[in-house]
Amino acid sequence: MKPEQFNRAVADHGRWLKRQRGGVRANLTLANLEGFNLDGIDLREAKLSGVKLAGGSLIGTNLRGADLFGADLSTCDLDGAVLADTDLRGARLHGANFVNANLNHADMRD
């Protein structure tokens, strides 16, 4: 995925969260975002199933209620990220940094 496509999806998602006109829930299913910097971005309830985020930075990112089923978060920096109520089933988490991350009620089966 190109950075401009990602930025557009995040902007549309922000409008969706605020219930503003033109807002669309982010659907980044199977997107390749390896090495992207997502620090501080609000992706609550986004569809991120199977997304490739390996090696990315998600410091302080809000992913509350997001669908991260089968996502690759290997070696990601998730320091201070909010992952409460997320679907992390089958996600690859090897080497990820979860220091200060909120994982309350996250589904981490498999």
PDB file of N, CA and C in Angstrom:
ATOM      1  N   MET A   1       0.843  -1.181   0.000  1.00  0.00           N
ATOM      2  CA  MET A   1       0.000   0.000   0.000  1.00  0.00           C
ATOM      3  C   MET A   1       0.883   1.238   0.000  1.00  0.00           C
ATOM      4  N   LYS A   2       0.532   2.192  -0.787  1.00  0.00           N
ATOM      5  CA  LYS A   2       1.289   3.434  -0.866  1.00  0.00           C
ATOM      6  C   LYS A   2       0.915   4.343   0.307  1.00  0.00           C
ATOM      7  N   PRO A   3       1.881   5.121   0.786  1.00  0.00           N
ATOM      8  CA  PRO A   3       1.603   6.006   1.931  1.00  0.00           C
ATOM      9  C   PRO A   3       0.412   6.939   1.706  1.00  0.00           C
ATOM     10  N   GLU A   4       0.239   7.445   0.495  1.00  0.00           N
ATOM     11  CA  GLU A   4      -0.884   8.354   0.255  1.00  0.00           C
ATOM     12  C   GLU A   4      -2.232   7.632   0.360  1.00  0.00           C
ATOM     13  N   GLN A   5      -2.276   6.362  -0.037  1.00  0.00           N
ATOM     14  CA  GLN A   5      -3.499   5.569   0.115  1.00  0.00           C
ATOM     15  C   GLN A   5      -3.792   5.339   1.593  1.00  0.00           C
ATOM     16  N   PHE A   6      -2.740   5.021   2.341  1.00  0.00           N
ATOM     17  CA  PHE A   6      -2.896   4.805   3.770  1.00  0.00           C
ATOM     18  C   PHE A   6      -3.382   6.091   4.449  1.00  0.00           C
ATOM     19  N   ASN A   7      -2.756   7.212   4.133  1.00  0.00           N
ATOM     20  CA  ASN A   7      -3.135   8.492   4.738  1.00  0.00           C
ATOM     21  C   ASN A   7      -4.587   8.851   4.437  1.00  0.00           C
ATOM     22  N   ARG A   8      -5.043   8.564   3.227  1.00  0.00           N
ATOM     23  CA  ARG A   8      -6.433   8.820   2.855  1.00  0.00           C
ATOM     24  C   ARG A   8      -7.376   7.945   3.679  1.00  0.00           C
ATOM     25  N   ALA A   9      -7.012   6.664   3.827  1.00  0.00           N
ATOM     26  CA  ALA A   9      -7.841   5.733   4.610  1.00  0.00           C
ATOM     27  C   ALA A   9      -7.931   6.186   6.068  1.00  0.00           C
ATOM     28  N   VAL A  10      -6.818   6.662   6.635  1.00  0.00           N
ATOM     29  CA  VAL A  10      -6.804   7.130   8.021  1.00  0.00           C
ATOM     30  C   VAL A  10      -7.663   8.385   8.169  1.00  0.00           C
ATOM     31  N   ALA A  11      -7.571   9.301   7.223  1.00  0.00           N
ATOM     32  CA  ALA A  11      -8.384  10.520   7.277  1.00  0.00           C
ATOM     33  C   ALA A  11      -9.866  10.187   7.178  1.00  0.00           C
ATOM     34  N   ASP A  12     -10.229   9.304   6.260  1.00  0.00           N
ATOM     35  CA  ASP A  12     -11.629   8.882   6.113  1.00  0.00           C
ATOM     36  C   ASP A  12     -12.117   8.189   7.380  1.00  0.00           C
ATOM     37  N   HIS A  13     -11.240   7.384   7.978  1.00  0.00           N
ATOM     38  CA  HIS A  13     -11.590   6.678   9.209  1.00  0.00           C
ATOM     39  C   HIS A  13     -11.831   7.675  10.350  1.00  0.00           C
ATOM     40  N   GLY A  14     -11.008   8.701  10.419  1.00  0.00           N
ATOM     41  CA  GLY A  14     -11.183   9.735  11.445  1.00  0.00           C
ATOM     42  C   GLY A  14     -12.547  10.403  11.324  1.00  0.00           C
ATOM     43  N   ARG A  15     -12.970  10.680  10.098  1.00  0.00           N
ATOM     44  CA  ARG A  15     -14.301  11.263   9.884  1.00  0.00           C
ATOM     45  C   ARG A  15     -15.391  10.259  10.274  1.00  0.00           C
ATOM     46  N   TRP A  16     -15.151   8.955   9.974  1.00  0.00           N
ATOM     47  CA  TRP A  16     -16.120   7.920  10.331  1.00  0.00           C
ATOM     48  C   TRP A  16     -16.285   7.843  11.858  1.00  0.00           C
ATOM     49  N   LEU A  17     -15.169   7.908  12.578  1.00  0.00           N
ATOM     50  CA  LEU A  17     -15.223   7.861  14.036  1.00  0.00           C
ATOM     51  C   LEU A  17     -16.015   9.038  14.605  1.00  0.00           C
ATOM     52  N   LYS A  18     -15.921  10.174  13.948  1.00  0.00           N
ATOM     53  CA  LYS A  18     -16.622  11.381  14.399  1.00  0.00           C
ATOM     54  C   LYS A  18     -18.023  11.492  13.799  1.00  0.00           C
ATOM     55  N   ARG A  19     -18.385  10.464  13.004  1.00  0.00           N
ATOM     56  CA  ARG A  19     -19.689  10.429  12.327  1.00  0.00           C
ATOM     57  C   ARG A  19     -19.896  11.646  11.418  1.00  0.00           C
ATOM     58  N   GLN A  20     -18.819  12.035  10.769  1.00  0.00           N
ATOM     59  CA  GLN A  20     -18.869  13.165   9.852  1.00  0.00           C
ATOM     60  C   GLN A  20     -19.125  12.688   8.427  1.00  0.00           C
ATOM     61  N   ARG A  21     -19.631  13.579   7.641  1.00  0.00           N
ATOM     62  CA  ARG A  21     -19.906  13.284   6.238  1.00  0.00           C
ATOM     63  C   ARG A  21     -18.624  12.852   5.522  1.00  0.00           C
ATOM     64  N   GLY A  22     -18.752  11.828   4.690  1.00  0.00           N
ATOM     65  CA  GLY A  22     -17.607  11.336   3.929  1.00  0.00           C
ATOM     66  C   GLY A  22     -16.739  10.361   4.696  1.00  0.00           C
ATOM     67  N   GLY A  23     -17.114  10.078   5.932  1.00  0.00           N
ATOM     68  CA  GLY A  23     -16.331   9.150   6.726  1.00  0.00           C
ATOM     69  C   GLY A  23     -16.574   7.707   6.318  1.00  0.00           C
ATOM     70  N   VAL A  24     -15.510   6.927   6.299  1.00  0.00           N
ATOM     71  CA  VAL A  24     -15.580   5.506   5.944  1.00  0.00           C
ATOM     72  C   VAL A  24     -14.676   4.739   6.903  1.00  0.00           C
ATOM     73  N   ARG A  25     -15.211   3.665   7.450  1.00  0.00           N
ATOM     74  CA  ARG A  25     -14.414   2.816   8.337  1.00  0.00           C
ATOM     75  C   ARG A  25     -13.209   2.276   7.567  1.00  0.00           C
ATOM     76  N   ALA A  26     -12.028   2.376   8.171  1.00  0.00           N
ATOM     77  CA  ALA A  26     -10.803   1.902   7.519  1.00  0.00           C
ATOM     78  C   ALA A  26     -10.850   0.392   7.337  1.00  0.00           C
ATOM     79  N   ASN A  27     -10.641  -0.042   6.116  1.00  0.00           N
ATOM     80  CA  ASN A  27     -10.543  -1.460   5.800  1.00  0.00           C
ATOM     81  C   ASN A  27      -9.179  -1.686   5.154  1.00  0.00           C
ATOM     82  N   LEU A  28      -8.230  -2.080   5.989  1.00  0.00           N
ATOM     83  CA  LEU A  28      -6.864  -2.306   5.539  1.00  0.00           C
ATOM     84  C   LEU A  28      -6.546  -3.797   5.542  1.00  0.00           C
ATOM     85  N   THR A  29      -7.573  -4.605   5.361  1.00  0.00           N
ATOM     86  CA  THR A  29      -7.426  -6.050   5.348  1.00  0.00           C
ATOM     87  C   THR A  29      -6.370  -6.463   4.319  1.00  0.00           C
ATOM     88  N   LEU A  30      -5.409  -7.270   4.776  1.00  0.00           N
ATOM     89  CA  LEU A  30      -4.328  -7.828   3.953  1.00  0.00           C
ATOM     90  C   LEU A  30      -3.368  -6.781   3.372  1.00  0.00           C
ATOM     91  N   ALA A  31      -3.442  -5.552   3.853  1.00  0.00           N
ATOM     92  CA  ALA A  31      -2.535  -4.503   3.362  1.00  0.00           C
ATOM     93  C   ALA A  31      -1.106  -4.767   3.835  1.00  0.00           C
ATOM     94  N   ASN A  32      -0.146  -4.377   3.032  1.00  0.00           N
ATOM     95  CA  ASN A  32       1.257  -4.490   3.409  1.00  0.00           C
ATOM     96  C   ASN A  32       1.720  -3.129   3.919  1.00  0.00           C
ATOM     97  N   LEU A  33       1.842  -3.034   5.246  1.00  0.00           N
ATOM     98  CA  LEU A  33       2.282  -1.800   5.891  1.00  0.00           C
ATOM     99  C   LEU A  33       3.579  -2.038   6.669  1.00  0.00           C
ATOM    100  N   GLU A  34       4.372  -2.988   6.203  1.00  0.00           N
ATOM    101  CA  GLU A  34       5.616  -3.322   6.896  1.00  0.00           C
ATOM    102  C   GLU A  34       6.509  -2.092   7.005  1.00  0.00           C
ATOM    103  N   GLY A  35       6.983  -1.852   8.239  1.00  0.00           N
ATOM    104  CA  GLY A  35       7.896  -0.750   8.494  1.00  0.00           C
ATOM    105  C   GLY A  35       7.233   0.612   8.567  1.00  0.00           C
ATOM    106  N   PHE A  36       5.904   0.697   8.426  1.00  0.00           N
ATOM    107  CA  PHE A  36       5.210   1.982   8.491  1.00  0.00           C
ATOM    108  C   PHE A  36       5.264   2.550   9.908  1.00  0.00           C
ATOM    109  N   ASN A  37       5.193   3.862  10.004  1.00  0.00           N
ATOM    110  CA  ASN A  37       5.104   4.546  11.288  1.00  0.00           C
ATOM    111  C   ASN A  37       3.649   4.946  11.497  1.00  0.00           C
ATOM    112  N   LEU A  38       3.010   4.295  12.477  1.00  0.00           N
ATOM    113  CA  LEU A  38       1.617   4.572  12.790  1.00  0.00           C
ATOM    114  C   LEU A  38       1.486   5.198  14.177  1.00  0.00           C
ATOM    115  N   ASP A  39       2.559   5.793  14.667  1.00  0.00           N
ATOM    116  CA  ASP A  39       2.570   6.360  16.015  1.00  0.00           C
ATOM    117  C   ASP A  39       1.411   7.330  16.229  1.00  0.00           C
ATOM    118  N   GLY A  40       0.647   7.063  17.310  1.00  0.00           N
ATOM    119  CA  GLY A  40      -0.404   7.978  17.749  1.00  0.00           C
ATOM    120  C   GLY A  40      -1.647   8.026  16.882  1.00  0.00           C
ATOM    121  N   ILE A  41      -1.744   7.202  15.869  1.00  0.00           N
ATOM    122  CA  ILE A  41      -2.907   7.228  14.975  1.00  0.00           C
ATOM    123  C   ILE A  41      -4.096   6.555  15.654  1.00  0.00           C
ATOM    124  N   ASP A  42      -5.287   7.086  15.417  1.00  0.00           N
ATOM    125  CA  ASP A  42      -6.517   6.529  15.976  1.00  0.00           C
ATOM    126  C   ASP A  42      -7.147   5.589  14.960  1.00  0.00           C
ATOM    127  N   LEU A  43      -6.974   4.293  15.179  1.00  0.00           N
ATOM    128  CA  LEU A  43      -7.545   3.276  14.299  1.00  0.00           C
ATOM    129  C   LEU A  43      -8.541   2.398  15.059  1.00  0.00           C
ATOM    130  N   ARG A  44      -9.244   3.002  16.007  1.00  0.00           N
ATOM    131  CA  ARG A  44     -10.268   2.249  16.738  1.00  0.00           C
ATOM    132  C   ARG A  44     -11.240   1.603  15.758  1.00  0.00           C
ATOM    133  N   GLU A  45     -11.539   0.333  16.005  1.00  0.00           N
ATOM    134  CA  GLU A  45     -12.529  -0.435  15.253  1.00  0.00           C
ATOM    135  C   GLU A  45     -12.196  -0.615  13.770  1.00  0.00           C
ATOM    136  N   ALA A  46     -10.959  -0.374  13.388  1.00  0.00           N
ATOM    137  CA  ALA A  46     -10.552  -0.556  11.993  1.00  0.00           C
ATOM    138  C   ALA A  46     -10.472  -2.042  11.648  1.00  0.00           C
ATOM    139  N   LYS A  47     -10.646  -2.338  10.379  1.00  0.00           N
ATOM    140  CA  LYS A  47     -10.517  -3.707   9.874  1.00  0.00           C
ATOM    141  C   LYS A  47      -9.082  -3.890   9.398  1.00  0.00           C
ATOM    142  N   LEU A  48      -8.320  -4.679  10.151  1.00  0.00           N
ATOM    143  CA  LEU A  48      -6.904  -4.884   9.867  1.00  0.00           C
ATOM    144  C   LEU A  48      -6.560  -6.367   9.802  1.00  0.00           C
ATOM    145  N   SER A  49      -7.516  -7.174   9.467  1.00  0.00           N
ATOM    146  CA  SER A  49      -7.310  -8.614   9.411  1.00  0.00           C
ATOM    147  C   SER A  49      -6.231  -8.960   8.380  1.00  0.00           C
ATOM    148  N   GLY A  50      -5.228  -9.720   8.823  1.00  0.00           N
ATOM    149  CA  GLY A  50      -4.165 -10.162   7.927  1.00  0.00           C
ATOM    150  C   GLY A  50      -3.190  -9.080   7.502  1.00  0.00           C
ATOM    151  N   VAL A  51      -3.273  -7.909   8.087  1.00  0.00           N
ATOM    152  CA  VAL A  51      -2.375  -6.814   7.715  1.00  0.00           C
ATOM    153  C   VAL A  51      -0.937  -7.161   8.098  1.00  0.00           C
ATOM    154  N   LYS A  52       0.007  -6.719   7.286  1.00  0.00           N
ATOM    155  CA  LYS A  52       1.427  -6.928   7.556  1.00  0.00           C
ATOM    156  C   LYS A  52       2.009  -5.632   8.106  1.00  0.00           C
ATOM    157  N   LEU A  53       2.305  -5.648   9.408  1.00  0.00           N
ATOM    158  CA  LEU A  53       2.857  -4.475  10.079  1.00  0.00           C
ATOM    159  C   LEU A  53       4.248  -4.756  10.658  1.00  0.00           C
ATOM    160  N   ALA A  54       4.840  -5.882  10.309  1.00  0.00           N
ATOM    161  CA  ALA A  54       6.127  -6.287  10.878  1.00  0.00           C
ATOM    162  C   ALA A  54       7.141  -5.149  10.826  1.00  0.00           C
ATOM    163  N   GLY A  55       7.799  -4.944  11.968  1.00  0.00           N
ATOM    164  CA  GLY A  55       8.847  -3.937  12.041  1.00  0.00           C
ATOM    165  C   GLY A  55       8.339  -2.514  12.115  1.00  0.00           C
ATOM    166  N   GLY A  56       7.040  -2.342  12.221  1.00  0.00           N
ATOM    167  CA  GLY A  56       6.464  -0.999  12.255  1.00  0.00           C
ATOM    168  C   GLY A  56       6.474  -0.388  13.645  1.00  0.00           C
ATOM    169  N   SER A  57       6.200   0.893  13.690  1.00  0.00           N
ATOM    170  CA  SER A  57       6.115   1.616  14.950  1.00  0.00           C
ATOM    171  C   SER A  57       4.663   2.024  15.174  1.00  0.00           C
ATOM    172  N   LEU A  58       4.107   1.563  16.299  1.00  0.00           N
ATOM    173  CA  LEU A  58       2.725   1.862  16.657  1.00  0.00           C
ATOM    174  C   LEU A  58       2.676   2.434  18.074  1.00  0.00           C
ATOM    175  N   ILE A  59       3.633   3.253  18.396  1.00  0.00           N
ATOM    176  CA  ILE A  59       3.732   3.824  19.733  1.00  0.00           C
ATOM    177  C   ILE A  59       2.526   4.736  19.976  1.00  0.00           C
ATOM    178  N   GLY A  60       1.765   4.402  21.024  1.00  0.00           N
ATOM    179  CA  GLY A  60       0.605   5.205  21.390  1.00  0.00           C
ATOM    180  C   GLY A  60      -0.572   5.106  20.429  1.00  0.00           C
ATOM    181  N   THR A  61      -0.546   4.174  19.511  1.00  0.00           N
ATOM    182  CA  THR A  61      -1.629   4.013  18.538  1.00  0.00           C
ATOM    183  C   THR A  61      -2.867   3.449  19.226  1.00  0.00           C
ATOM    184  N   ASN A  62      -4.038   3.973  18.882  1.00  0.00           N
ATOM    185  CA  ASN A  62      -5.291   3.501  19.455  1.00  0.00           C
ATOM    186  C   ASN A  62      -5.920   2.493  18.506  1.00  0.00           C
ATOM    187  N   LEU A  63      -5.889   1.226  18.907  1.00  0.00           N
ATOM    188  CA  LEU A  63      -6.455   0.138  18.106  1.00  0.00           C
ATOM    189  C   LEU A  63      -7.619  -0.533  18.842  1.00  0.00           C
ATOM    190  N   ARG A  64      -8.216   0.163  19.792  1.00  0.00           N
ATOM    191  CA  ARG A  64      -9.311  -0.409  20.586  1.00  0.00           C
ATOM    192  C   ARG A  64     -10.397  -0.968  19.667  1.00  0.00           C
ATOM    193  N   GLY A  65     -10.738  -2.232  19.897  1.00  0.00           N
ATOM    194  CA  GLY A  65     -11.815  -2.867  19.150  1.00  0.00           C
ATOM    195  C   GLY A  65     -11.486  -3.189  17.697  1.00  0.00           C
ATOM    196  N   ALA A  66     -10.235  -3.043  17.300  1.00  0.00           N
ATOM    197  CA  ALA A  66      -9.851  -3.316  15.907  1.00  0.00           C
ATOM    198  C   ALA A  66      -9.797  -4.819  15.644  1.00  0.00           C
ATOM    199  N   ASP A  67      -9.986  -5.181  14.393  1.00  0.00           N
ATOM    200  CA  ASP A  67      -9.880  -6.573  13.964  1.00  0.00           C
ATOM    201  C   ASP A  67      -8.467  -6.793  13.434  1.00  0.00           C
ATOM    202  N   LEU A  68      -7.645  -7.457  14.234  1.00  0.00           N
ATOM    203  CA  LEU A  68      -6.259  -7.760  13.862  1.00  0.00           C
ATOM    204  C   LEU A  68      -6.071  -9.268  13.703  1.00  0.00           C
ATOM    205  N   PHE A  69      -7.137  -9.958  13.345  1.00  0.00           N
ATOM    206  CA  PHE A  69      -7.088 -11.404  13.170  1.00  0.00           C
ATOM    207  C   PHE A  69      -6.016 -11.760  12.137  1.00  0.00           C
ATOM    208  N   GLY A  70      -5.064 -12.601  12.530  1.00  0.00           N
ATOM    209  CA  GLY A  70      -4.026 -13.054  11.612  1.00  0.00           C
ATOM    210  C   GLY A  70      -3.038 -11.983  11.186  1.00  0.00           C
ATOM    211  N   ALA A  71      -2.997 -10.864  11.882  1.00  0.00           N
ATOM    212  CA  ALA A  71      -2.077  -9.777  11.531  1.00  0.00           C
ATOM    213  C   ALA A  71      -0.641 -10.148  11.892  1.00  0.00           C
ATOM    214  N   ASP A  72       0.305  -9.588  11.167  1.00  0.00           N
ATOM    215  CA  ASP A  72       1.726  -9.792  11.464  1.00  0.00           C
ATOM    216  C   ASP A  72       2.249  -8.550  12.173  1.00  0.00           C
ATOM    217  N   LEU A  73       2.413  -8.668  13.500  1.00  0.00           N
ATOM    218  CA  LEU A  73       2.932  -7.581  14.319  1.00  0.00           C
ATOM    219  C   LEU A  73       4.343  -7.894  14.816  1.00  0.00           C
ATOM    220  N   SER A  74       5.022  -8.808  14.147  1.00  0.00           N
ATOM    221  CA  SER A  74       6.372  -9.209  14.544  1.00  0.00           C
ATOM    222  C   SER A  74       7.285  -7.994  14.625  1.00  0.00           C
ATOM    223  N   THR A  75       8.016  -7.904  15.693  1.00  0.00           N
ATOM    224  CA  THR A  75       9.005  -6.858  15.974  1.00  0.00           C
ATOM    225  C   THR A  75       8.437  -5.441  15.944  1.00  0.00           C
ATOM    226  N   CYS A  76       7.125  -5.299  16.069  1.00  0.00           N
ATOM    227  CA  CYS A  76       6.515  -3.964  16.141  1.00  0.00           C
ATOM    228  C   CYS A  76       6.773  -3.340  17.509  1.00  0.00           C
ATOM    229  N   ASP A  77       6.868  -2.027  17.531  1.00  0.00           N
ATOM    230  CA  ASP A  77       6.960  -1.299  18.794  1.00  0.00           C
ATOM    231  C   ASP A  77       5.569  -0.781  19.116  1.00  0.00           C
ATOM    232  N   LEU A  78       4.916  -1.412  20.099  1.00  0.00           N
ATOM    233  CA  LEU A  78       3.551  -1.065  20.505  1.00  0.00           C
ATOM    234  C   LEU A  78       3.547  -0.424  21.887  1.00  0.00           C
ATOM    235  N   ASP A  79       4.628   0.249  22.238  1.00  0.00           N
ATOM    236  CA  ASP A  79       4.736   0.898  23.542  1.00  0.00           C
ATOM    237  C   ASP A  79       3.587   1.887  23.727  1.00  0.00           C
ATOM    238  N   GLY A  80       2.788   1.663  24.750  1.00  0.00           N
ATOM    239  CA  GLY A  80       1.689   2.570  25.059  1.00  0.00           C
ATOM    240  C   GLY A  80       0.490   2.455  24.135  1.00  0.00           C
ATOM    241  N   ALA A  81       0.485   1.480  23.248  1.00  0.00           N
ATOM    242  CA  ALA A  81      -0.647   1.315  22.324  1.00  0.00           C
ATOM    243  C   ALA A  81      -1.861   0.784  23.077  1.00  0.00           C
ATOM    244  N   VAL A  82      -3.041   1.137  22.585  1.00  0.00           N
ATOM    245  CA  VAL A  82      -4.289   0.643  23.160  1.00  0.00           C
ATOM    246  C   VAL A  82      -4.804  -0.475  22.260  1.00  0.00           C
ATOM    247  N   LEU A  83      -4.762  -1.691  22.794  1.00  0.00           N
ATOM    248  CA  LEU A  83      -5.222  -2.875  22.075  1.00  0.00           C
ATOM    249  C   LEU A  83      -6.384  -3.537  22.816  1.00  0.00           C
ATOM    250  N   ALA A  84      -7.031  -2.798  23.687  1.00  0.00           N
ATOM    251  CA  ALA A  84      -8.159  -3.333  24.451  1.00  0.00           C
ATOM    252  C   ALA A  84      -9.272  -3.740  23.493  1.00  0.00           C
ATOM    253  N   ASP A  85      -9.877  -4.877  23.786  1.00  0.00           N
ATOM    254  CA  ASP A  85     -11.018  -5.387  23.012  1.00  0.00           C
ATOM    255  C   ASP A  85     -10.681  -5.722  21.562  1.00  0.00           C
ATOM    256  N   THR A  86      -9.405  -5.888  21.242  1.00  0.00           N
ATOM    257  CA  THR A  86      -9.031  -6.226  19.862  1.00  0.00           C
ATOM    258  C   THR A  86      -9.084  -7.729  19.635  1.00  0.00           C
ATOM    259  N   ASP A  87      -9.231  -8.097  18.379  1.00  0.00           N
ATOM    260  CA  ASP A  87      -9.186  -9.497  17.973  1.00  0.00           C
ATOM    261  C   ASP A  87      -7.774  -9.768  17.473  1.00  0.00           C
ATOM    262  N   LEU A  88      -6.977 -10.426  18.300  1.00  0.00           N
ATOM    263  CA  LEU A  88      -5.593 -10.751  17.959  1.00  0.00           C
ATOM    264  C   LEU A  88      -5.419 -12.253  17.730  1.00  0.00           C
ATOM    265  N   ARG A  89      -6.516 -12.958  17.481  1.00  0.00           N
ATOM    266  CA  ARG A  89      -6.414 -14.401  17.261  1.00  0.00           C
ATOM    267  C   ARG A  89      -5.524 -14.687  16.054  1.00  0.00           C
ATOM    268  N   GLY A  90      -4.594 -15.586  16.242  1.00  0.00           N
ATOM    269  CA  GLY A  90      -3.713 -15.999  15.153  1.00  0.00           C
ATOM    270  C   GLY A  90      -2.697 -14.956  14.725  1.00  0.00           C
ATOM    271  N   ALA A  91      -2.596 -13.857  15.466  1.00  0.00           N
ATOM    272  CA  ALA A  91      -1.636 -12.803  15.100  1.00  0.00           C
ATOM    273  C   ALA A  91      -0.211 -13.251  15.412  1.00  0.00           C
ATOM    274  N   ARG A  92       0.727 -12.811  14.597  1.00  0.00           N
ATOM    275  CA  ARG A  92       2.149 -13.061  14.834  1.00  0.00           C
ATOM    276  C   ARG A  92       2.674 -11.923  15.697  1.00  0.00           C
ATOM    277  N   LEU A  93       3.162 -12.294  16.879  1.00  0.00           N
ATOM    278  CA  LEU A  93       3.570 -11.291  17.857  1.00  0.00           C
ATOM    279  C   LEU A  93       5.032 -11.435  18.271  1.00  0.00           C
ATOM    280  N   HIS A  94       5.776 -12.307  17.612  1.00  0.00           N
ATOM    281  CA  HIS A  94       7.169 -12.583  17.991  1.00  0.00           C
ATOM    282  C   HIS A  94       8.014 -11.309  17.960  1.00  0.00           C
ATOM    283  N   GLY A  95       8.639 -11.028  19.089  1.00  0.00           N
ATOM    284  CA  GLY A  95       9.549  -9.888  19.171  1.00  0.00           C
ATOM    285  C   GLY A  95       8.878  -8.537  19.281  1.00  0.00           C
ATOM    286  N   ALA A  96       7.546  -8.513  19.396  1.00  0.00           N
ATOM    287  CA  ALA A  96       6.834  -7.236  19.525  1.00  0.00           C
ATOM    288  C   ALA A  96       7.014  -6.667  20.928  1.00  0.00           C
ATOM    289  N   ASN A  97       7.084  -5.359  21.025  1.00  0.00           N
ATOM    290  CA  ASN A  97       7.231  -4.665  22.297  1.00  0.00           C
ATOM    291  C   ASN A  97       5.855  -4.192  22.755  1.00  0.00           C
ATOM    292  N   PHE A  98       5.372  -4.776  23.861  1.00  0.00           N
ATOM    293  CA  PHE A  98       4.071  -4.412  24.409  1.00  0.00           C
ATOM    294  C   PHE A  98       4.193  -3.653  25.730  1.00  0.00           C
ATOM    295  N   VAL A  99       5.349  -3.043  25.995  1.00  0.00           N
ATOM    296  CA  VAL A  99       5.544  -2.298  27.232  1.00  0.00           C
ATOM    297  C   VAL A  99       4.503  -1.172  27.294  1.00  0.00           C
ATOM    298  N   ASN A 100       3.827  -1.077  28.414  1.00  0.00           N
ATOM    299  CA  ASN A 100       2.803  -0.045  28.661  1.00  0.00           C
ATOM    300  C   ASN A 100       1.595  -0.146  27.734  1.00  0.00           C
ATOM    301  N   ALA A 101       1.472  -1.226  26.971  1.00  0.00           N
ATOM    302  CA  ALA A 101       0.312  -1.397  26.085  1.00  0.00           C
ATOM    303  C   ALA A 101      -0.884  -1.874  26.899  1.00  0.00           C
ATOM    304  N   ASN A 102      -2.070  -1.457  26.489  1.00  0.00           N
ATOM    305  CA  ASN A 102      -3.319  -1.866  27.126  1.00  0.00           C
ATOM    306  C   ASN A 102      -3.899  -3.020  26.316  1.00  0.00           C
ATOM    307  N   LEU A 103      -3.881  -4.218  26.894  1.00  0.00           N
ATOM    308  CA  LEU A 103      -4.391  -5.418  26.231  1.00  0.00           C
ATOM    309  C   LEU A 103      -5.644  -5.959  26.930  1.00  0.00           C
ATOM    310  N   ASN A 104      -6.328  -5.115  27.692  1.00  0.00           N
ATOM    311  CA  ASN A 104      -7.521  -5.555  28.416  1.00  0.00           C
ATOM    312  C   ASN A 104      -8.554  -6.129  27.461  1.00  0.00           C
ATOM    313  N   HIS A 105      -8.980  -7.339  27.782  1.00  0.00           N
ATOM    314  CA  HIS A 105     -10.028  -8.039  27.030  1.00  0.00           C
ATOM    315  C   HIS A 105      -9.660  -8.308  25.564  1.00  0.00           C
ATOM    316  N   ALA A 106      -8.408  -8.254  25.220  1.00  0.00           N
ATOM    317  CA  ALA A 106      -7.984  -8.615  23.866  1.00  0.00           C
ATOM    318  C   ALA A 106      -8.106 -10.123  23.695  1.00  0.00           C
ATOM    319  N   ASP A 107      -8.562 -10.552  22.546  1.00  0.00           N
ATOM    320  CA  ASP A 107      -8.706 -11.975  22.266  1.00  0.00           C
ATOM    321  C   ASP A 107      -7.416 -12.455  21.624  1.00  0.00           C
ATOM    322  N   MET A 108      -6.615 -13.194  22.405  1.00  0.00           N
ATOM    323  CA  MET A 108      -5.295 -13.635  21.942  1.00  0.00           C
ATOM    324  C   MET A 108      -5.220 -15.151  21.806  1.00  0.00           C
ATOM    325  N   ARG A 109      -6.341 -15.788  21.554  1.00  0.00           N
ATOM    326  CA  ARG A 109      -6.319 -17.243  21.365  1.00  0.00           C
ATOM    327  C   ARG A 109      -5.490 -17.591  20.138  1.00  0.00           C
ATOM    328  N   ASP A 110      -4.884 -18.775  20.163  1.00  0.00           N
ATOM    329  CA  ASP A 110      -4.053 -19.301  19.070  1.00  0.00           C
ATOM    330  C   ASP A 110      -2.839 -18.429  18.885  1.00  0.00           C
TER     331      ASP A 110
END
